């Protein structure tokens, strides 16, 4: 049985791409010199250029210096990984094609094409929108927020399932917080076979962690007035036997 998804109030693709870039710790680079994977070497300029601070022995650095035009082509790949341990933790992948150029001790990457792949499929990101976009204001805090919710407040996560359509909870064996942005919280519903995601939208966007706390309190208040899903009632009853 399929899950019912709520796709209202979600970040635009350009903002999703910028959020993936902002939060990613690692990146893979495929260029003329081969493929290399790096951890903690990239930053992003306001206009969307990716700055790579690479070790001197990197093949990519050598390719950039020795390229006839001084601007070798390359493809960068970034993965958006869920901070809470769940099945299929890769939430999205971002691929960016473009050109490198040495600049002030680092390599500057200027994208000419960007593709964001999520479970619903791949989308080409408009480069003008990408350059003008900013990361979600919760992107850098998301990992801490979700792991704290999962580890310290499992009772709150269970209460939030009261806001989920009963059909989506059919056969559920575990529910975990999967993603959060300024527009809403996504829960990962795992079953004995397969899994699905359900989004709980906030009543208005959250621009910082303080506002997120208020939005979560609103969801929990709404959940407190809702009935406990029968699927989870049966699950708890069977577990107590």
Protein backbone atom coordinates (compact mmCIF):
# COMPACT_ATOMS: atom_id res chain seq x y z
CA UNK A 1 0.00 0.00 0.00
CA UNK A 2 1.48 3.34 -0.99
CA UNK A 3 2.04 6.29 1.28
CA UNK A 4 0.21 9.54 0.99
CA UNK A 5 2.65 12.41 0.64
CA UNK A 6 1.99 16.06 1.35
CA UNK A 7 4.10 18.12 -1.06
CA UNK A 8 2.70 21.46 0.05
CA UNK A 9 5.12 23.99 1.50
CA UNK A 10 8.40 22.49 0.32
CA UNK A 11 11.67 24.25 -0.56
CA UNK A 12 12.24 25.25 -4.18
CA UNK A 13 14.72 23.11 -6.11
CA UNK A 14 17.33 25.87 -6.20
CA UNK A 15 17.17 26.22 -2.42
CA UNK A 16 17.33 22.44 -1.99
CA UNK A 17 20.48 22.40 -4.11
CA UNK A 18 22.07 25.18 -2.06
CA UNK A 19 21.08 23.38 1.16
CA UNK A 20 22.71 20.14 -0.01
CA UNK A 21 25.90 22.05 -0.79
CA UNK A 22 25.88 23.89 2.53
CA UNK A 23 25.41 20.78 4.67
CA UNK A 24 27.49 18.23 2.74
CA UNK A 25 30.82 17.26 4.31
CA UNK A 26 32.22 15.45 1.31
CA UNK A 27 32.23 15.67 -2.45
CA UNK A 28 33.40 13.55 -5.36
CA UNK A 29 35.09 15.21 -8.32
CA UNK A 30 35.42 13.63 -11.75
CA UNK A 31 37.77 15.49 -14.09
CA UNK A 32 40.38 14.85 -16.75
CA UNK A 33 42.78 13.52 -14.13
CA UNK A 34 40.33 10.88 -12.88
CA UNK A 35 37.97 10.74 -9.91
CA UNK A 36 38.79 11.88 -6.39
CA UNK A 37 36.75 12.08 -3.18
CA UNK A 38 37.33 14.80 -0.61
CA UNK A 39 36.11 15.54 2.89
CA UNK A 40 35.77 19.03 4.32
CA UNK A 41 37.45 20.88 1.43
CA UNK A 42 34.60 22.87 -0.15
CA UNK A 43 32.86 26.13 0.62
CA UNK A 44 30.24 28.00 -1.39
CA UNK A 45 30.35 31.66 -2.41
CA UNK A 46 27.21 33.80 -2.28
CA UNK A 47 26.80 33.55 -6.05
CA UNK A 48 26.97 29.75 -5.97
CA UNK A 49 30.58 29.23 -7.04
CA UNK A 50 32.13 26.23 -5.28
CA UNK A 51 35.56 26.84 -3.78
CA UNK A 52 37.79 23.80 -3.28
CA UNK A 53 40.82 23.97 -0.99
CA UNK A 54 42.67 20.85 -2.10
CA UNK A 55 45.96 19.24 -1.04
CA UNK A 56 48.93 20.01 -3.26
CA UNK A 57 49.22 16.41 -4.44
CA UNK A 58 45.65 16.28 -5.73
CA UNK A 59 45.34 15.17 -9.36
CA UNK A 60 42.68 17.84 -9.80
CA UNK A 61 45.06 20.59 -8.74
CA UNK A 62 47.64 19.35 -11.24
CA UNK A 63 45.02 19.16 -14.01
CA UNK A 64 43.90 22.73 -13.34
CA UNK A 65 47.44 24.07 -13.46
CA UNK A 66 48.45 22.12 -16.56
CA UNK A 67 45.23 22.49 -18.57
CA UNK A 68 45.90 24.24 -21.91
CA UNK A 69 43.12 26.76 -21.33
CA UNK A 70 43.63 26.79 -17.59
CA UNK A 71 40.02 25.73 -17.05
CA UNK A 72 39.48 21.95 -17.08
CA UNK A 73 35.93 20.65 -17.12
CA UNK A 74 34.69 18.58 -14.21
CA UNK A 75 31.63 17.10 -12.54
CA UNK A 76 31.05 17.51 -8.80
CA UNK A 77 28.79 15.15 -6.86
CA UNK A 78 27.33 15.82 -3.41
CA UNK A 79 25.15 13.48 -1.33
CA UNK A 80 22.46 14.55 1.11
CA UNK A 81 22.62 11.92 3.88
CA UNK A 82 19.99 11.62 6.61
CA UNK A 83 21.65 12.21 10.01
CA UNK A 84 19.42 9.66 11.79
CA UNK A 85 20.24 5.99 11.02
CA UNK A 86 17.46 4.69 8.78
CA UNK A 87 17.18 2.51 5.70
CA UNK A 88 18.28 4.16 2.46
CA UNK A 89 19.86 7.21 4.09
CA UNK A 90 20.69 9.04 0.85
CA UNK A 91 17.92 11.64 0.56
CA UNK A 92 19.24 13.37 -2.56
CA UNK A 93 22.25 13.67 -4.84
CA UNK A 94 23.43 16.84 -6.52
CA UNK A 95 25.54 16.74 -9.68
CA UNK A 96 27.16 19.89 -11.03
CA UNK A 97 29.04 20.14 -14.33
CA UNK A 98 31.26 23.11 -15.04
CA UNK A 99 34.77 24.53 -15.18
CA UNK A 100 37.63 24.88 -12.69
CA UNK A 101 40.11 27.72 -12.51
CA UNK A 102 42.98 28.30 -10.05
CA UNK A 103 42.33 31.38 -7.92
CA UNK A 104 44.06 32.71 -4.78
CA UNK A 105 45.38 29.35 -3.60
CA UNK A 106 42.22 27.35 -4.29
CA UNK A 107 40.17 26.10 -7.21
CA UNK A 108 37.00 27.94 -8.17
CA UNK A 109 34.29 25.87 -9.81
CA UNK A 110 31.72 27.66 -11.96
CA UNK A 111 28.72 25.44 -12.73
CA UNK A 112 27.22 25.29 -16.20
CA UNK A 113 24.61 22.66 -15.31
CA UNK A 114 23.13 21.34 -12.06
CA UNK A 115 20.89 18.29 -11.56
CA UNK A 116 19.23 17.35 -8.28
CA UNK A 117 17.97 13.79 -7.90
CA UNK A 118 15.48 13.00 -5.15
CA UNK A 119 13.24 9.93 -4.69
CA UNK A 120 10.66 11.52 -6.98
CA UNK A 121 13.14 11.83 -9.85
CA UNK A 122 15.83 14.12 -11.25
CA UNK A 123 15.32 17.85 -11.90
CA UNK A 124 17.57 20.27 -13.78
CA UNK A 125 18.13 23.28 -11.51
CA UNK A 126 17.89 26.70 -13.13
CA UNK A 127 21.34 28.27 -12.74
CA UNK A 128 20.05 31.83 -12.32
CA UNK A 129 17.71 30.67 -9.56
CA UNK A 130 20.54 28.65 -8.04
CA UNK A 131 22.87 31.67 -8.00
CA UNK A 132 20.22 33.83 -6.32
CA UNK A 133 19.07 31.21 -3.79
CA UNK A 134 20.21 30.79 -0.21
CA UNK A 135 20.40 27.56 1.80
CA UNK A 136 17.48 26.69 4.03
CA UNK A 137 18.04 28.54 7.34
CA UNK A 138 17.93 25.22 9.21
CA UNK A 139 20.30 23.33 6.89
CA UNK A 140 23.39 23.55 9.09
CA UNK A 141 21.47 22.80 12.29
CA UNK A 142 19.38 19.97 10.85
CA UNK A 143 21.69 17.10 11.81
CA UNK A 144 21.75 18.12 15.49
CA UNK A 145 18.02 18.85 15.56
CA UNK A 146 17.02 15.48 14.11
CA UNK A 147 19.42 13.35 16.14
CA UNK A 148 18.32 15.13 19.33
CA UNK A 149 14.66 14.54 18.47
CA UNK A 150 15.27 10.86 17.73
CA UNK A 151 17.53 10.14 20.73
CA UNK A 152 16.05 12.36 23.45
CA UNK A 153 12.39 12.60 22.49
CA UNK A 154 11.16 9.31 20.99
CA UNK A 155 7.85 9.91 22.79
CA UNK A 156 7.39 13.11 20.77
CA UNK A 157 8.08 11.26 17.52
CA UNK A 158 5.48 8.65 18.42
CA UNK A 159 2.98 11.38 19.27
CA UNK A 160 3.54 13.02 15.89
CA UNK A 161 2.42 9.82 14.16
CA UNK A 162 -1.11 10.74 15.23
CA UNK A 163 -0.99 13.34 12.45
CA UNK A 164 -0.22 10.70 9.83
CA UNK A 165 -2.92 9.06 7.70
CA UNK A 166 -3.64 5.54 9.06
CA UNK A 167 -3.00 3.98 5.64
CA UNK A 168 0.57 5.28 5.72
CA UNK A 169 1.20 3.60 9.08
CA UNK A 170 -0.07 0.19 7.99
CA UNK A 171 2.57 -2.38 8.91
CA UNK A 172 4.89 0.20 10.51
CA UNK A 173 7.63 -1.22 12.73
CA UNK A 174 9.57 2.00 13.33
CA UNK A 175 9.12 5.73 12.74
CA UNK A 176 12.07 8.13 12.76
CA UNK A 177 12.57 11.83 11.98
CA UNK A 178 14.05 11.90 8.50
CA UNK A 179 14.35 15.55 7.44
CA UNK A 180 13.41 19.04 8.56
CA UNK A 181 13.47 22.39 6.80
CA UNK A 182 11.82 25.74 7.38
CA UNK A 183 8.58 24.45 5.83
CA UNK A 184 8.05 21.15 7.63
CA UNK A 185 9.18 17.88 9.21
CA UNK A 186 9.46 14.59 7.33
CA UNK A 187 9.03 11.23 9.09
CA UNK A 188 10.49 7.97 7.76
CA UNK A 189 8.08 5.06 8.26
CA UNK A 190 9.81 1.70 8.14
CA UNK A 191 7.99 -1.58 7.65
CA UNK A 192 9.11 -5.20 7.66
CA UNK A 193 9.36 -4.81 3.90
CA UNK A 194 9.99 -1.36 2.49
CA UNK A 195 9.57 2.13 3.85
CA UNK A 196 7.95 5.46 3.02
CA UNK A 197 8.08 9.12 4.00
CA UNK A 198 5.35 11.42 5.25
CA UNK A 199 5.69 15.19 5.50
CA UNK A 200 4.13 17.25 8.30
CA UNK A 201 4.03 20.89 7.10
CA UNK A 202 4.37 23.76 9.57
CA UNK A 203 1.61 26.35 9.81
CA UNK A 204 4.17 28.95 8.71
CA UNK A 205 7.87 28.84 7.73
CA UNK A 206 10.55 28.85 10.45
CA UNK A 207 13.46 31.21 9.87
CA UNK A 208 15.62 30.01 12.77
CA UNK A 209 15.85 27.35 15.48
CA UNK A 210 13.76 29.42 17.90
CA UNK A 211 10.90 29.59 15.43
CA UNK A 212 11.31 25.90 14.67
CA UNK A 213 10.77 25.12 18.36
CA UNK A 214 7.46 27.00 18.25
CA UNK A 215 6.41 25.23 15.03
CA UNK A 216 7.17 21.84 16.59
CA UNK A 217 5.13 22.72 19.69
CA UNK A 218 2.18 23.52 17.42
CA UNK A 219 2.49 20.12 15.70
CA UNK A 220 2.74 18.33 19.04
CA UNK A 221 -0.31 20.18 20.36
CA UNK A 222 -2.26 19.15 17.27
CA UNK A 223 -1.06 15.58 17.72
CA UNK A 224 -2.13 15.53 21.37
CA UNK A 225 -5.73 16.15 20.35
CA UNK A 226 -5.67 13.43 17.69
CA UNK A 227 -6.37 9.74 18.31
CA UNK A 228 -3.55 7.21 18.39
CA UNK A 229 -3.24 5.38 15.05
CA UNK A 230 -4.66 1.88 15.25
CA UNK A 231 -1.60 0.44 13.51
CA UNK A 232 0.68 1.63 16.30
CA UNK A 233 -1.83 0.62 18.97
CA UNK A 234 -1.73 -2.94 17.64
CA UNK A 235 2.05 -2.80 17.42
CA UNK A 236 2.41 -1.78 21.08
CA UNK A 237 -0.15 -4.34 22.23
CA UNK A 238 1.60 -7.16 20.40
CA UNK A 239 4.97 -6.01 21.73
CA UNK A 240 3.68 -6.19 25.33
CA UNK A 241 2.67 -9.83 25.00
